[in-house]
Amino acid sequence: MSLAVRITGALLIAFALAVAGFKVRRFDIPLAPTEPLGPWSVELTVSVRGAGQSGSVTALLPANEEGQRIFDEQPVLDRLDFEDRRFGGNRVGVWSGWLEDVHEVAYRFRVQLREVAIDWAPADAPELGRDARRVATRPTPELPSSAPEVKALIKALPLPSREDPQARVRALFAFVSHEIATEPTAGDDALLTLARREGSTIGKERLLATLLRAVGMPARLVHGLALRDAQRPEPAVWVEVRSGDRWLPMSSAEGFFGIRPDTHLVLGRGAQAPVEATGVRAVGHRYRALRQRLRPDEIASLMAPDNPLLSALSLYRLPVGTQTALHVLLLIPIGALITAIFRNGIG
């Protein structure tokens, strides 16, 4: 075998290994066969006892965003009309009509979740506009950032200078995480949580968002679900703080900072409750979730790149049967290469 052929073969092998390594690191493609984690099948069921008049049931619905993809949505109406709306920046489902006796409405969907990791934005990143920043920093009944006891605490805490907003956020996060105890039966109020130095999960997150707003950092609450295998979904609340052009997720109760776990489903943001009803005597709701296995066509759909150009060129857009044939064809050059190496190198 000539030297030129050997060099050419080595360069081609090195290029192939570099491409494979990039795909493994950049897109988390496994090297060995694995059991693909399927989407979650989630169902919200709302039961109401009508008051014999027109009324409505409103529920936060998840939307497609970074880290979560919603599909196969199906509402259950039970003699009511249904409308998918946008309200206060959130996606909501509204069942409306004549509410009499007992009604049970539902919303079923499937969601594929993945972990979202967000770094602190660089200093030159664009900030929120003036109006949006004012909304995200003003005091509200749930986030009383102008309360005297909140201002007194901010003065007493040894916070870093305003020139280091990341350090100030971390200091407030550490205070609420370590100095405020988590007590499920404690109150949800931010000021009560601060006064008693203990609070529920919601109380701690409200206190954290309140303190962040008190030092001028735009902050908001996120309502969602914590999904667990073989367990009932639990309502989850966490905080997002604005850093440049990004919203960083954090939870003083669950202990994550800058990362939204792949078990957390976002339902909505702000003060809106997950489920509300008008014109009823009683209302109750529950969530159910089950982890499913992916079908081959769903795996192919999820593996396709987000970039439109790369997606158009991706082999994962081909029918599953064609992909299987291509897998076999692509193994032929590898087998030929191994045969050539043994024949010319070993003899």
Protein backbone atom coordinates (compact mmCIF):
# COMPACT_ATOMS: atom_id res chain seq x y z
CA MET A 1 0.00 0.00 0.00
CA SER A 2 1.50 3.39 -0.99
CA LEU A 3 2.17 6.17 1.47
CA ALA A 4 -0.38 8.47 -0.23
CA VAL A 5 -3.14 5.89 0.16
CA ARG A 6 -2.31 5.41 3.84
CA ILE A 7 -2.31 9.16 4.50
CA THR A 8 -5.60 9.61 2.65
CA GLY A 9 -7.19 6.74 4.57
CA ALA A 10 -5.94 8.11 7.90
CA LEU A 11 -7.32 11.57 7.12
CA LEU A 12 -10.72 10.16 6.16
CA ILE A 13 -10.88 8.07 9.35
CA ALA A 14 -9.84 11.09 11.46
CA PHE A 15 -12.52 13.22 9.80
CA ALA A 16 -15.21 10.59 10.42
CA LEU A 17 -14.19 10.26 14.07
CA ALA A 18 -14.24 14.05 14.49
CA VAL A 19 -17.76 14.28 13.03
CA ALA A 20 -18.96 11.43 15.25
CA GLY A 21 -17.39 13.02 18.32
CA PHE A 22 -19.03 16.36 17.55
CA LYS A 23 -22.45 14.74 17.21
CA VAL A 24 -22.02 12.85 20.49
CA ARG A 25 -20.97 15.97 22.43
CA ARG A 26 -23.22 18.51 20.76
CA PHE A 27 -26.44 16.51 20.33
CA ASP A 28 -25.98 13.89 23.12
CA ILE A 29 -26.30 11.01 20.65
CA PRO A 30 -25.46 7.77 22.52
CA LEU A 31 -22.69 5.52 21.24
CA ALA A 32 -24.39 2.35 22.45
CA PRO A 33 -28.01 1.25 21.98
CA THR A 34 -30.24 2.64 24.72
CA GLU A 35 -33.87 2.41 25.72
CA PRO A 36 -35.35 5.70 24.47
CA LEU A 37 -37.28 7.66 27.08
CA GLY A 38 -40.69 8.34 25.68
CA PRO A 39 -42.94 11.34 26.20
CA TRP A 40 -45.18 11.88 29.17
CA SER A 41 -48.88 11.36 28.72
CA VAL A 42 -50.56 13.94 30.97
CA GLU A 43 -54.23 14.43 31.78
CA LEU A 44 -55.88 17.30 33.64
CA THR A 45 -59.38 16.53 34.95
CA VAL A 46 -61.56 19.31 36.40
CA SER A 47 -64.80 18.53 38.23
CA VAL A 48 -67.29 21.32 38.94
CA ARG A 49 -70.71 21.52 40.54
CA GLY A 50 -72.68 24.11 38.64
CA ALA A 51 -74.87 26.82 40.13
CA GLY A 52 -77.57 26.61 37.44
CA GLN A 53 -76.21 29.53 35.43
CA SER A 54 -73.71 30.37 32.74
CA GLY A 55 -70.13 29.98 33.84
CA SER A 56 -66.66 28.93 32.78
CA VAL A 57 -63.67 26.84 33.75
CA THR A 58 -60.20 28.20 32.96
CA ALA A 59 -57.00 26.14 33.12
CA LEU A 60 -53.39 26.88 32.24
CA LEU A 61 -52.26 24.84 29.24
CA PRO A 62 -48.61 24.11 28.42
CA ALA A 63 -47.07 25.69 25.33
CA ASN A 64 -44.14 24.70 23.15
CA GLU A 65 -40.95 26.34 24.37
CA GLU A 66 -37.32 25.49 24.98
CA GLY A 67 -37.12 22.17 26.79
CA GLN A 68 -40.69 21.01 26.17
CA ARG A 69 -42.65 19.93 23.10
CA ILE A 70 -46.41 19.43 23.25
CA PHE A 71 -48.38 17.20 20.87
CA ASP A 72 -51.50 15.00 20.62
CA GLU A 73 -53.67 17.50 22.52
CA GLN A 74 -57.31 16.56 23.08
CA PRO A 75 -59.94 18.41 25.18
CA VAL A 76 -62.95 16.66 26.74
CA LEU A 77 -65.96 19.01 26.70
CA ASP A 78 -68.88 17.42 28.65
CA ARG A 79 -71.62 19.56 27.04
CA LEU A 80 -69.51 22.74 27.18
CA ASP A 81 -67.78 24.85 24.55
CA PHE A 82 -64.00 24.96 24.48
CA GLU A 83 -61.64 27.73 23.36
CA ASP A 84 -57.86 27.94 23.34
CA ARG A 85 -56.85 31.49 24.27
CA ARG A 86 -53.85 33.65 25.17
CA PHE A 87 -54.20 35.62 28.38
CA GLY A 88 -51.51 37.54 30.26
CA GLY A 89 -48.77 35.90 28.23
CA ASN A 90 -50.04 32.42 29.11
CA ARG A 91 -51.92 29.84 27.09
CA VAL A 92 -55.26 28.98 28.71
CA GLY A 93 -58.12 26.64 27.93
CA VAL A 94 -61.63 27.91 28.62
CA TRP A 95 -64.67 25.65 28.93
CA SER A 96 -67.86 27.72 28.98
CA GLY A 97 -71.60 27.16 28.90
CA TRP A 98 -74.56 26.43 31.14
CA LEU A 99 -73.21 24.86 34.32
CA GLU A 100 -75.77 22.70 36.08
CA ASP A 101 -75.29 19.63 38.27
CA VAL A 102 -71.83 18.04 37.91
CA HIS A 103 -69.55 18.50 34.92
CA GLU A 104 -66.20 16.82 34.37
CA VAL A 105 -63.96 18.32 31.71
CA ALA A 106 -60.46 17.18 30.84
CA TYR A 107 -57.44 18.04 28.75
CA ARG A 108 -55.07 15.35 27.56
CA PHE A 109 -51.72 15.84 25.88
CA ARG A 110 -48.30 14.33 25.49
CA VAL A 111 -45.08 16.20 26.19
CA GLN A 112 -41.42 15.47 25.56
CA LEU A 113 -39.21 17.15 28.17
CA ARG A 114 -35.48 17.79 28.32
CA GLU A 115 -33.24 19.62 30.75
CA VAL A 116 -32.67 23.32 30.07
CA ALA A 117 -29.40 24.86 31.29
CA ILE A 118 -29.00 28.65 31.03
CA ASP A 119 -25.81 30.54 31.86
CA TRP A 120 -25.68 34.07 33.19
CA ALA A 121 -25.82 36.49 30.28
CA PRO A 122 -22.73 38.57 29.41
CA ALA A 123 -22.64 42.19 30.50
CA ASP A 124 -23.32 43.51 26.99
CA ALA A 125 -26.47 41.38 26.47
CA PRO A 126 -29.64 43.38 25.68
CA GLU A 127 -31.85 44.13 28.68
CA LEU A 128 -35.61 44.18 29.11
CA GLY A 129 -37.47 47.18 27.77
CA ARG A 130 -38.52 49.89 30.22
CA ASP A 131 -42.19 48.86 30.39
CA ALA A 132 -41.46 45.13 30.68
CA ARG A 133 -38.86 45.79 33.38
CA ARG A 134 -41.31 47.92 35.36
CA VAL A 135 -43.87 45.11 35.26
CA ALA A 136 -41.29 42.51 36.36
CA THR A 137 -39.99 44.58 39.30
CA ARG A 138 -43.13 46.23 40.72
CA PRO A 139 -44.66 45.05 44.02
CA THR A 140 -47.83 42.93 43.90
CA PRO A 141 -50.02 41.35 46.59
CA GLU A 142 -48.18 38.04 46.07
CA LEU A 143 -44.74 39.69 45.79
CA PRO A 144 -44.75 42.68 48.24
CA SER A 145 -41.25 43.92 47.41
CA SER A 146 -41.93 47.41 48.85
CA ALA A 147 -42.97 46.15 52.32
CA PRO A 148 -41.01 47.70 55.25
CA GLU A 149 -39.81 44.33 56.56
CA VAL A 150 -38.48 43.43 53.12
CA LYS A 151 -36.56 46.70 52.85
CA ALA A 152 -35.18 46.20 56.37
CA LEU A 153 -33.92 42.73 55.47
CA ILE A 154 -32.25 43.97 52.29
CA LYS A 155 -30.38 46.60 54.33
CA ALA A 156 -29.33 44.04 56.95
CA LEU A 157 -28.03 41.43 54.48
CA PRO A 158 -24.36 41.73 53.40
CA LEU A 159 -25.19 41.83 49.69
CA PRO A 160 -22.51 42.35 47.02
CA SER A 161 -22.43 45.65 45.16
CA ARG A 162 -24.92 46.54 42.43
CA GLU A 163 -22.12 46.18 39.87
CA ASP A 164 -22.23 42.41 40.40
CA PRO A 165 -25.90 41.43 39.89
CA GLN A 166 -25.09 37.72 39.58
CA ALA A 167 -23.48 37.68 43.02
CA ARG A 168 -26.47 39.54 44.51
CA VAL A 169 -28.89 37.02 43.02
CA ARG A 170 -26.83 34.12 44.37
CA ALA A 171 -26.67 35.72 47.82
CA LEU A 172 -30.46 36.11 48.00
CA PHE A 173 -30.92 32.59 46.64
CA ALA A 174 -28.58 31.22 49.35
CA PHE A 175 -30.42 33.16 52.08
CA VAL A 176 -33.84 31.78 51.18
CA SER A 177 -32.47 28.28 50.54
CA HIS A 178 -30.54 27.96 53.82
CA GLU A 179 -32.15 30.41 56.26
CA ILE A 180 -35.81 29.68 55.46
CA ALA A 181 -37.06 26.21 56.36
CA THR A 182 -39.39 24.30 54.05
CA GLU A 183 -42.56 23.30 55.87
CA PRO A 184 -45.41 21.92 53.72
CA THR A 185 -48.08 23.01 56.22
CA ALA A 186 -46.72 26.54 56.63
CA GLY A 187 -48.22 29.53 54.87
CA ASP A 188 -47.85 30.53 51.22
CA ASP A 189 -47.52 34.24 52.00
CA ALA A 190 -44.10 35.81 51.38
CA LEU A 191 -44.14 38.13 54.40
CA LEU A 192 -45.41 35.39 56.71
CA THR A 193 -42.64 33.13 55.45
CA LEU A 194 -40.06 35.84 56.15
CA ALA A 195 -41.43 36.57 59.65
CA ARG A 196 -41.55 32.92 60.74
CA ARG A 197 -38.39 31.89 58.86
CA GLU A 198 -40.32 28.95 57.42
CA GLY A 199 -42.81 28.49 54.63
CA SER A 200 -44.30 26.15 52.09
CA THR A 201 -42.66 25.63 48.74
CA ILE A 202 -44.84 28.39 47.28
CA GLY A 203 -44.08 30.65 50.25
CA LYS A 204 -40.32 30.27 49.78
CA GLU A 205 -40.46 30.91 46.05
CA ARG A 206 -42.68 33.95 46.56
CA LEU A 207 -40.22 35.27 49.14
CA LEU A 208 -37.28 34.74 46.77
CA ALA A 209 -39.04 36.56 43.92
CA THR A 210 -40.02 39.34 46.36
CA LEU A 211 -36.42 39.87 47.49
CA LEU A 212 -35.16 39.83 43.92
CA ARG A 213 -37.65 42.52 42.94
CA ALA A 214 -36.72 44.51 46.04
CA VAL A 215 -33.12 44.84 44.79
CA GLY A 216 -34.28 45.80 41.29
CA MET A 217 -33.92 42.41 39.58
CA PRO A 218 -36.83 41.45 37.27
CA ALA A 219 -38.31 38.22 38.64
CA ARG A 220 -41.44 36.17 38.13
CA LEU A 221 -43.07 32.97 39.34
CA VAL A 222 -43.49 29.89 37.16
CA HIS A 223 -46.32 27.41 37.71
CA GLY A 224 -45.83 23.87 36.51
CA LEU A 225 -45.80 20.19 37.31
CA ALA A 226 -43.07 17.94 38.66
CA LEU A 227 -43.43 14.61 36.83
CA ARG A 228 -42.13 11.42 38.44
CA ASP A 229 -42.24 7.81 37.26
CA ALA A 230 -44.95 5.75 39.01
CA GLN A 231 -46.01 8.80 41.07
CA ARG A 232 -48.80 11.33 40.89
CA PRO A 233 -47.67 14.67 39.38
CA GLU A 234 -47.03 17.33 42.00
CA PRO A 235 -47.75 21.03 41.48
CA ALA A 236 -44.45 22.89 41.28
CA VAL A 237 -43.57 26.57 41.58
CA TRP A 238 -40.18 28.08 40.89
CA VAL A 239 -38.64 31.47 40.09
CA GLU A 240 -37.18 32.99 36.95
CA VAL A 241 -34.87 36.02 37.17
CA ARG A 242 -33.94 38.14 34.19
CA SER A 243 -30.30 38.21 33.12
CA GLY A 244 -29.77 40.22 29.95
CA ASP A 245 -31.95 38.58 27.31
CA ARG A 246 -32.51 35.39 29.31
CA TRP A 247 -34.71 34.15 32.14
CA LEU A 248 -32.77 31.96 34.56
CA PRO A 249 -34.80 29.29 36.42
CA MET A 250 -34.11 28.63 40.09
CA SER A 251 -35.82 27.01 43.06
CA SER A 252 -34.89 27.65 46.68
CA ALA A 253 -37.05 24.70 47.75
CA GLU A 254 -35.77 22.12 45.24
CA GLY A 255 -32.23 23.49 45.03
CA PHE A 256 -31.66 24.06 41.32
CA PHE A 257 -30.09 27.24 39.92
CA GLY A 258 -29.79 28.06 36.22
CA ILE A 259 -31.20 24.65 35.29
CA ARG A 260 -34.76 23.49 34.74
CA PRO A 261 -34.83 19.71 35.31
CA ASP A 262 -36.21 17.42 32.62
CA THR A 263 -39.00 16.43 35.03
CA HIS A 264 -40.51 19.92 35.25
CA LEU A 265 -43.33 20.93 32.90
CA VAL A 266 -44.10 24.65 32.52
CA LEU A 267 -47.81 25.50 32.61
CA GLY A 268 -47.71 29.28 32.94
CA ARG A 269 -46.07 32.31 34.53
CA GLY A 270 -47.29 35.07 36.80
CA ALA A 271 -50.01 35.14 39.42
CA GLN A 272 -52.69 33.25 37.49
CA ALA A 273 -53.86 30.08 39.24
CA PRO A 274 -53.55 26.78 37.33
CA VAL A 275 -57.35 26.21 37.49
CA GLU A 276 -60.14 28.76 38.06
CA ALA A 277 -63.92 28.65 37.67
CA THR A 278 -66.87 31.07 37.68
CA GLY A 279 -70.57 30.37 38.10
CA VAL A 280 -69.99 27.19 40.13
CA ARG A 281 -70.62 26.07 43.69
CA ALA A 282 -67.52 23.85 43.93
CA VAL A 283 -64.50 23.00 41.82
CA GLY A 284 -61.72 20.44 42.07
CA HIS A 285 -58.98 19.20 39.78
CA ARG A 286 -56.26 16.58 39.54
CA TYR A 287 -53.38 15.69 37.24
CA ARG A 288 -52.29 12.27 36.09
CA ALA A 289 -49.14 11.39 34.16
CA LEU A 290 -47.62 8.25 32.68
CA ARG A 291 -44.26 7.78 30.98
CA GLN A 292 -44.58 6.19 27.56
CA ARG A 293 -42.23 4.53 25.11
CA LEU A 294 -41.47 6.19 21.81
CA ARG A 295 -42.55 4.67 18.53
CA PRO A 296 -39.88 4.53 15.79
CA ASP A 297 -41.47 7.36 13.81
CA GLU A 298 -41.59 9.54 16.95
CA ILE A 299 -37.90 8.86 17.66
CA ALA A 300 -37.09 9.94 14.11
CA SER A 301 -39.15 13.12 14.49
CA LEU A 302 -37.46 14.07 17.76
CA MET A 303 -33.96 13.33 16.42
CA ALA A 304 -34.37 15.75 13.50
CA PRO A 305 -32.37 18.99 13.99
CA ASP A 306 -34.18 22.23 14.80
CA ASN A 307 -32.33 24.12 12.07
CA PRO A 308 -34.59 24.19 8.95
CA LEU A 309 -31.71 23.53 6.53
CA LEU A 310 -30.22 20.69 8.57
CA SER A 311 -33.71 19.31 9.14
CA ALA A 312 -34.34 19.17 5.40
CA LEU A 313 -31.08 17.25 4.90
CA SER A 314 -31.51 14.98 7.92
CA LEU A 315 -31.89 11.25 7.29
CA TYR A 316 -34.31 11.16 10.22
CA ARG A 317 -36.92 12.79 7.97
CA LEU A 318 -37.01 9.68 5.79
CA PRO A 319 -39.58 6.93 6.37
CA VAL A 320 -38.61 4.47 9.08
CA GLY A 321 -38.31 1.60 6.61
CA THR A 322 -35.94 3.61 4.42
CA GLN A 323 -33.86 4.52 7.47
CA THR A 324 -33.48 0.83 8.33
CA ALA A 325 -32.26 0.05 4.79
CA LEU A 326 -29.81 2.95 4.95
CA HIS A 327 -28.42 1.66 8.25
CA VAL A 328 -27.53 -1.60 6.53
CA LEU A 329 -26.04 0.15 3.49
CA LEU A 330 -23.91 2.44 5.67
CA LEU A 331 -22.40 -0.58 7.41
CA ILE A 332 -21.03 -1.93 4.09
CA PRO A 333 -18.20 0.67 3.81
CA ILE A 334 -17.23 0.06 7.43
CA GLY A 335 -17.03 -3.67 6.79
CA ALA A 336 -14.99 -3.08 3.63
CA LEU A 337 -12.61 -0.80 5.55
CA ILE A 338 -12.06 -3.38 8.29
CA THR A 339 -11.48 -6.09 5.66
CA ALA A 340 -8.95 -3.91 3.84
CA ILE A 341 -7.08 -3.16 7.06
CA PHE A 342 -6.80 -6.84 7.97
CA ARG A 343 -5.85 -7.85 4.42
CA ASN A 344 -3.16 -5.21 3.91
CA GLY A 345 -1.98 -4.76 7.46
CA ILE A 346 -2.03 -8.33 8.79
CA GLY A 347 -2.09 -10.35 5.58
